[in-house]
N, C-alpha and C. Protein backbone atom coordinates (compact mmCIF):
# COMPACT_ATOMS: atom_id res chain seq x y z
N MET A 1 74.45 89.50 64.53
CA MET A 1 74.09 88.99 63.25
C MET A 1 74.65 89.86 62.14
N CYS A 2 75.14 89.25 61.09
CA CYS A 2 75.79 90.03 60.01
C CYS A 2 74.76 90.73 59.18
N ASN A 3 75.16 91.77 58.51
CA ASN A 3 74.25 92.61 57.70
C ASN A 3 74.73 92.65 56.25
N CYS A 4 75.63 91.80 55.79
CA CYS A 4 76.21 91.82 54.48
C CYS A 4 75.19 91.95 53.40
N ALA A 5 74.12 91.17 53.54
CA ALA A 5 73.07 91.09 52.47
C ALA A 5 72.33 92.43 52.35
N LEU A 6 72.35 93.24 53.37
CA LEU A 6 71.66 94.53 53.34
C LEU A 6 72.50 95.68 52.77
N LEU A 7 73.82 95.42 52.74
CA LEU A 7 74.76 96.44 52.28
C LEU A 7 74.86 96.53 50.73
N GLU A 8 75.08 97.72 50.25
CA GLU A 8 75.31 97.90 48.82
C GLU A 8 76.52 97.09 48.29
N GLU A 9 76.72 97.05 47.01
CA GLU A 9 77.89 96.38 46.51
C GLU A 9 79.18 97.02 46.81
N THR A 10 79.17 98.34 47.04
CA THR A 10 80.38 99.10 47.45
C THR A 10 79.99 100.03 48.57
N VAL A 11 80.75 100.00 49.67
CA VAL A 11 80.45 100.79 50.82
C VAL A 11 81.70 101.44 51.31
N ALA A 12 81.51 102.59 52.00
CA ALA A 12 82.63 103.27 52.62
C ALA A 12 82.98 102.58 53.90
N CYS A 13 84.21 102.48 54.32
CA CYS A 13 84.60 101.84 55.56
C CYS A 13 84.87 102.78 56.68
N GLY A 14 84.58 104.09 56.57
CA GLY A 14 84.99 105.02 57.53
C GLY A 14 86.44 105.45 57.39
N ASP A 15 86.91 106.06 58.46
CA ASP A 15 88.35 106.47 58.43
C ASP A 15 89.30 105.39 58.68
N ASP A 16 88.94 104.30 59.35
CA ASP A 16 89.79 103.27 59.71
C ASP A 16 89.10 101.92 59.39
N GLU A 17 89.42 101.31 58.22
CA GLU A 17 88.71 100.10 57.81
C GLU A 17 88.87 98.98 58.75
N GLU A 18 89.96 98.90 59.43
CA GLU A 18 90.13 97.83 60.43
C GLU A 18 89.21 97.90 61.58
N LEU A 19 89.12 99.08 62.19
CA LEU A 19 88.26 99.32 63.45
C LEU A 19 86.79 99.43 63.02
N GLU A 20 86.54 100.03 61.92
CA GLU A 20 85.13 100.31 61.59
C GLU A 20 84.38 99.32 60.72
N PHE A 21 85.20 98.47 59.99
CA PHE A 21 84.49 97.57 59.09
C PHE A 21 84.96 96.07 59.29
N ILE A 22 86.26 95.88 59.28
CA ILE A 22 86.76 94.47 59.35
C ILE A 22 86.48 93.87 60.71
N ARG A 23 86.85 94.45 61.80
CA ARG A 23 86.69 93.85 63.12
C ARG A 23 85.24 93.68 63.52
N PRO A 24 84.41 94.73 63.36
CA PRO A 24 82.95 94.56 63.71
C PRO A 24 82.28 93.49 62.89
N LYS A 25 82.62 93.21 61.68
CA LYS A 25 82.04 92.22 60.85
C LYS A 25 82.70 90.81 61.06
N GLN A 26 83.82 90.85 61.76
CA GLN A 26 84.60 89.63 62.04
C GLN A 26 85.05 88.97 60.72
N LEU A 27 85.54 89.82 59.82
CA LEU A 27 85.99 89.32 58.51
C LEU A 27 87.34 88.59 58.71
N ARG A 28 87.56 87.57 57.93
CA ARG A 28 88.73 86.79 57.91
C ARG A 28 89.57 87.05 56.65
N LEU A 29 90.81 87.35 56.74
CA LEU A 29 91.67 87.66 55.65
C LEU A 29 91.96 86.40 54.85
N LEU A 30 91.86 86.47 53.54
CA LEU A 30 92.11 85.33 52.65
C LEU A 30 93.34 85.56 51.83
N ARG A 31 93.42 86.73 51.12
CA ARG A 31 94.58 87.02 50.26
C ARG A 31 94.79 88.53 50.22
N GLU A 32 95.98 88.90 49.68
CA GLU A 32 96.20 90.38 49.61
C GLU A 32 97.04 90.72 48.42
N LYS A 33 96.79 91.96 48.00
CA LYS A 33 97.54 92.57 46.94
C LYS A 33 98.11 93.85 47.55
N PRO A 34 98.96 94.61 46.89
CA PRO A 34 99.63 95.79 47.59
C PRO A 34 98.66 96.75 48.22
N ARG A 35 97.44 97.07 47.69
CA ARG A 35 96.61 98.08 48.26
C ARG A 35 95.20 97.60 48.66
N VAL A 36 94.94 96.33 48.36
CA VAL A 36 93.61 95.81 48.73
C VAL A 36 93.86 94.38 49.26
N ARG A 37 92.82 93.92 50.02
CA ARG A 37 92.80 92.59 50.60
C ARG A 37 91.49 91.96 50.35
N LEU A 38 91.50 90.63 50.25
CA LEU A 38 90.22 89.87 50.09
C LEU A 38 89.93 89.26 51.48
N TYR A 39 88.70 89.45 51.89
CA TYR A 39 88.17 88.88 53.14
C TYR A 39 86.92 88.09 52.90
N ILE A 40 86.60 87.26 53.94
CA ILE A 40 85.31 86.59 53.81
C ILE A 40 84.57 86.82 55.20
N CYS A 41 83.31 87.07 55.08
CA CYS A 41 82.48 87.15 56.26
C CYS A 41 82.30 85.73 56.79
N THR A 42 82.73 85.47 58.03
CA THR A 42 82.68 84.21 58.61
C THR A 42 81.25 83.72 58.97
N GLU A 43 80.34 84.69 58.97
CA GLU A 43 78.92 84.34 59.24
C GLU A 43 78.11 83.95 57.96
N CYS A 44 78.26 84.79 56.91
CA CYS A 44 77.37 84.51 55.76
C CYS A 44 78.14 84.12 54.52
N GLY A 45 79.48 84.15 54.59
CA GLY A 45 80.29 83.76 53.40
C GLY A 45 80.40 84.80 52.32
N THR A 46 79.97 86.00 52.52
CA THR A 46 80.21 87.12 51.54
C THR A 46 81.67 87.47 51.48
N TYR A 47 82.17 87.61 50.27
CA TYR A 47 83.53 87.96 50.02
C TYR A 47 83.60 89.54 49.87
N TRP A 48 84.58 90.14 50.47
CA TRP A 48 84.80 91.58 50.45
C TRP A 48 86.20 91.89 49.98
N GLN A 49 86.41 92.81 49.04
CA GLN A 49 87.67 93.40 48.80
C GLN A 49 87.73 94.70 49.51
N VAL A 50 88.74 94.87 50.44
CA VAL A 50 88.76 96.07 51.27
C VAL A 50 90.07 96.87 50.97
N ASP A 51 89.91 98.16 50.75
CA ASP A 51 91.09 98.99 50.58
C ASP A 51 91.89 99.06 51.85
N HIS A 52 93.17 99.18 51.74
CA HIS A 52 94.10 99.43 52.92
C HIS A 52 95.07 100.56 52.60
N ASN A 53 95.23 101.36 53.70
CA ASN A 53 96.16 102.52 53.64
C ASN A 53 95.76 103.49 52.49
N GLU A 54 94.50 103.74 52.42
CA GLU A 54 93.98 104.68 51.43
C GLU A 54 93.10 105.73 52.18
N ARG A 55 92.97 106.85 51.62
CA ARG A 55 92.08 107.87 52.06
C ARG A 55 90.62 107.40 51.67
N GLY A 56 89.78 107.36 52.66
CA GLY A 56 88.37 106.99 52.39
C GLY A 56 88.28 105.54 51.88
N PRO A 57 88.77 104.57 52.59
CA PRO A 57 88.77 103.18 52.13
C PRO A 57 87.30 102.74 51.78
N GLN A 58 87.29 101.79 50.80
CA GLN A 58 85.97 101.25 50.44
C GLN A 58 86.05 99.72 50.53
N ALA A 59 84.96 99.12 50.68
CA ALA A 59 84.81 97.71 50.60
C ALA A 59 83.87 97.37 49.42
N ILE A 60 84.24 96.38 48.58
CA ILE A 60 83.48 95.99 47.44
C ILE A 60 83.12 94.45 47.55
N LYS A 61 81.86 94.10 47.33
CA LYS A 61 81.47 92.68 47.36
C LYS A 61 82.09 92.07 46.12
N VAL A 62 82.68 90.87 46.29
CA VAL A 62 83.35 90.11 45.26
C VAL A 62 82.46 88.85 45.06
N SER A 63 81.91 88.62 43.89
CA SER A 63 81.07 87.47 43.65
C SER A 63 81.87 86.25 43.18
N GLU A 64 83.06 86.49 42.58
CA GLU A 64 83.90 85.42 42.13
C GLU A 64 85.22 85.46 42.77
N PRO A 65 85.39 85.01 43.99
CA PRO A 65 86.60 85.05 44.70
C PRO A 65 87.82 84.35 44.09
N PHE A 66 87.47 83.33 43.30
CA PHE A 66 88.57 82.49 42.74
C PHE A 66 89.24 83.16 41.52
N SER A 67 88.54 84.24 41.01
CA SER A 67 89.18 85.01 39.94
C SER A 67 89.51 86.45 40.42
N TRP A 68 89.71 86.56 41.68
CA TRP A 68 89.96 87.84 42.32
C TRP A 68 91.21 88.50 41.78
N ASP A 69 92.22 87.71 41.42
CA ASP A 69 93.47 88.22 40.84
C ASP A 69 93.22 89.18 39.63
N VAL A 70 92.15 88.97 38.88
CA VAL A 70 91.90 89.80 37.71
C VAL A 70 90.61 90.56 37.88
N PHE A 71 90.15 90.66 39.16
CA PHE A 71 88.86 91.38 39.43
C PHE A 71 89.06 92.93 39.14
N ASP A 72 88.19 93.39 38.31
CA ASP A 72 88.14 94.81 37.85
C ASP A 72 87.23 95.63 38.74
N ASP A 73 87.81 96.37 39.71
CA ASP A 73 86.93 97.12 40.66
C ASP A 73 86.59 98.48 40.16
N ARG A 74 87.07 98.91 39.01
CA ARG A 74 86.77 100.27 38.57
C ARG A 74 85.26 100.54 38.32
N PRO A 75 84.52 99.62 37.73
CA PRO A 75 83.07 99.94 37.58
C PRO A 75 82.34 100.12 38.93
N TYR A 76 82.72 99.31 39.90
CA TYR A 76 82.16 99.44 41.21
C TYR A 76 82.47 100.80 41.86
N ARG A 77 83.73 101.18 41.71
CA ARG A 77 84.13 102.50 42.25
C ARG A 77 83.45 103.67 41.50
N LEU A 78 83.26 103.57 40.24
CA LEU A 78 82.58 104.61 39.49
C LEU A 78 81.07 104.69 39.88
N ARG A 79 80.40 103.54 40.04
CA ARG A 79 79.02 103.57 40.56
C ARG A 79 78.91 104.16 41.91
N PHE A 80 79.91 103.77 42.77
CA PHE A 80 79.91 104.38 44.13
C PHE A 80 80.06 105.88 44.12
N LEU A 81 80.93 106.38 43.25
CA LEU A 81 81.18 107.77 43.12
C LEU A 81 79.89 108.45 42.62
N GLU A 82 79.26 107.90 41.69
CA GLU A 82 77.97 108.45 41.20
C GLU A 82 76.92 108.48 42.28
N ARG A 83 76.82 107.39 43.04
CA ARG A 83 75.81 107.34 44.16
C ARG A 83 76.17 108.40 45.19
N LEU A 84 77.44 108.53 45.51
CA LEU A 84 77.91 109.48 46.53
C LEU A 84 77.56 110.91 46.19
N HIS A 85 77.60 111.26 44.85
CA HIS A 85 77.29 112.58 44.43
C HIS A 85 75.84 112.79 43.96
N GLY A 86 75.08 111.81 44.20
CA GLY A 86 73.65 112.01 43.80
C GLY A 86 73.41 111.81 42.32
N GLY A 87 74.23 111.11 41.63
CA GLY A 87 74.06 110.80 40.21
C GLY A 87 74.64 111.93 39.31
N GLU A 88 74.19 111.95 38.08
CA GLU A 88 74.64 112.94 37.06
C GLU A 88 73.79 114.16 37.14
N GLY A 89 74.43 115.24 36.84
CA GLY A 89 73.65 116.50 36.68
C GLY A 89 73.41 116.78 35.22
N PRO A 90 72.89 117.94 34.88
CA PRO A 90 72.48 118.31 33.52
C PRO A 90 73.60 118.73 32.67
N GLU A 91 74.79 119.07 33.28
CA GLU A 91 75.87 119.66 32.55
C GLU A 91 76.79 118.54 31.94
N THR A 92 77.48 118.91 30.89
CA THR A 92 78.47 117.99 30.26
C THR A 92 79.81 118.13 30.93
N CYS A 93 80.53 117.05 31.02
CA CYS A 93 81.86 117.02 31.64
C CYS A 93 82.79 118.05 30.97
N LEU A 94 83.53 118.79 31.71
CA LEU A 94 84.41 119.77 31.12
C LEU A 94 85.70 119.26 30.62
N TRP A 95 85.98 117.94 30.76
CA TRP A 95 87.18 117.33 30.26
C TRP A 95 87.15 117.45 28.72
N ARG A 96 88.25 117.70 28.12
CA ARG A 96 88.28 117.92 26.66
C ARG A 96 87.84 116.71 25.93
N ASP A 97 86.94 116.93 25.03
CA ASP A 97 86.40 115.90 24.12
C ASP A 97 85.50 114.86 24.83
N CYS A 98 85.19 115.06 26.15
CA CYS A 98 84.25 114.14 26.82
C CYS A 98 82.84 114.57 26.62
N THR A 99 82.00 113.60 26.34
CA THR A 99 80.59 113.87 26.07
C THR A 99 79.72 113.35 27.25
N ARG A 100 80.30 112.78 28.27
CA ARG A 100 79.55 112.28 29.34
C ARG A 100 78.94 113.46 30.22
N ARG A 101 77.93 113.13 30.93
CA ARG A 101 77.28 114.14 31.86
C ARG A 101 78.11 114.16 33.11
N ALA A 102 78.33 115.39 33.61
CA ALA A 102 79.06 115.57 34.87
C ALA A 102 78.28 115.13 36.07
N LEU A 103 79.01 114.81 37.09
CA LEU A 103 78.33 114.42 38.34
C LEU A 103 77.59 115.59 38.86
N SER A 104 76.49 115.34 39.57
CA SER A 104 75.68 116.37 40.15
C SER A 104 76.50 117.26 41.06
N GLY A 105 76.45 118.64 40.77
CA GLY A 105 77.19 119.59 41.53
C GLY A 105 78.68 119.64 41.25
N MET A 106 79.15 118.97 40.22
CA MET A 106 80.50 118.95 39.89
C MET A 106 80.71 119.30 38.39
N SER A 107 81.94 119.49 37.95
CA SER A 107 82.15 119.82 36.58
C SER A 107 82.77 118.70 35.79
N LEU A 108 83.00 117.51 36.46
CA LEU A 108 83.55 116.36 35.81
C LEU A 108 82.59 115.12 35.85
N CYS A 109 82.69 114.24 34.88
CA CYS A 109 81.96 112.99 34.92
C CYS A 109 82.64 112.06 35.91
N SER A 110 81.98 110.93 36.22
CA SER A 110 82.55 110.01 37.21
C SER A 110 83.94 109.47 36.75
N HIS A 111 84.10 109.23 35.45
CA HIS A 111 85.38 108.69 34.93
C HIS A 111 86.54 109.64 35.15
N HIS A 112 86.32 110.92 34.87
CA HIS A 112 87.33 111.87 35.01
C HIS A 112 87.54 112.39 36.45
N ALA A 113 86.47 112.41 37.22
CA ALA A 113 86.66 112.73 38.64
C ALA A 113 87.44 111.62 39.32
N TYR A 114 87.17 110.34 39.01
CA TYR A 114 87.91 109.25 39.57
C TYR A 114 89.35 109.27 39.21
N SER A 115 89.64 109.53 37.93
CA SER A 115 91.06 109.56 37.53
C SER A 115 91.84 110.70 38.17
N GLU A 116 91.16 111.85 38.39
CA GLU A 116 91.72 112.95 39.14
C GLU A 116 91.99 112.62 40.60
N PHE A 117 91.00 111.93 41.21
CA PHE A 117 91.10 111.48 42.61
C PHE A 117 92.36 110.61 42.72
N LEU A 118 92.64 109.76 41.79
CA LEU A 118 93.76 108.81 41.85
C LEU A 118 95.08 109.52 41.78
N ARG A 119 95.14 110.65 41.22
CA ARG A 119 96.38 111.43 41.03
C ARG A 119 96.89 111.97 42.36
N GLU A 120 96.00 112.37 43.23
CA GLU A 120 96.29 112.90 44.51
C GLU A 120 97.70 113.52 44.66
């Protein structure tokens, strides 16, 4: 039985999204972009955007699959990063002129930590 309804809006796929997320859930590929693909759960009909060829791939629930071409996943990824780090801490982000609170145990807010992560 599928567990899509029990999963958060954004989840980590493990080290291998194909073996650890796509196959066990029996997702069916619908469309693809260079770094992400859109799948559907054949059991419950939940749509998932899944990262491919990324370090630490994530899957994000997509509520509007017909507008997936313009789907903005950044807010989902920022919330996931905040959840992963236990929310915000008491300190202010060290990025110049940023007034957001830093992630718990870090010196950057989710916006700047995410942009630094993308630089790799």
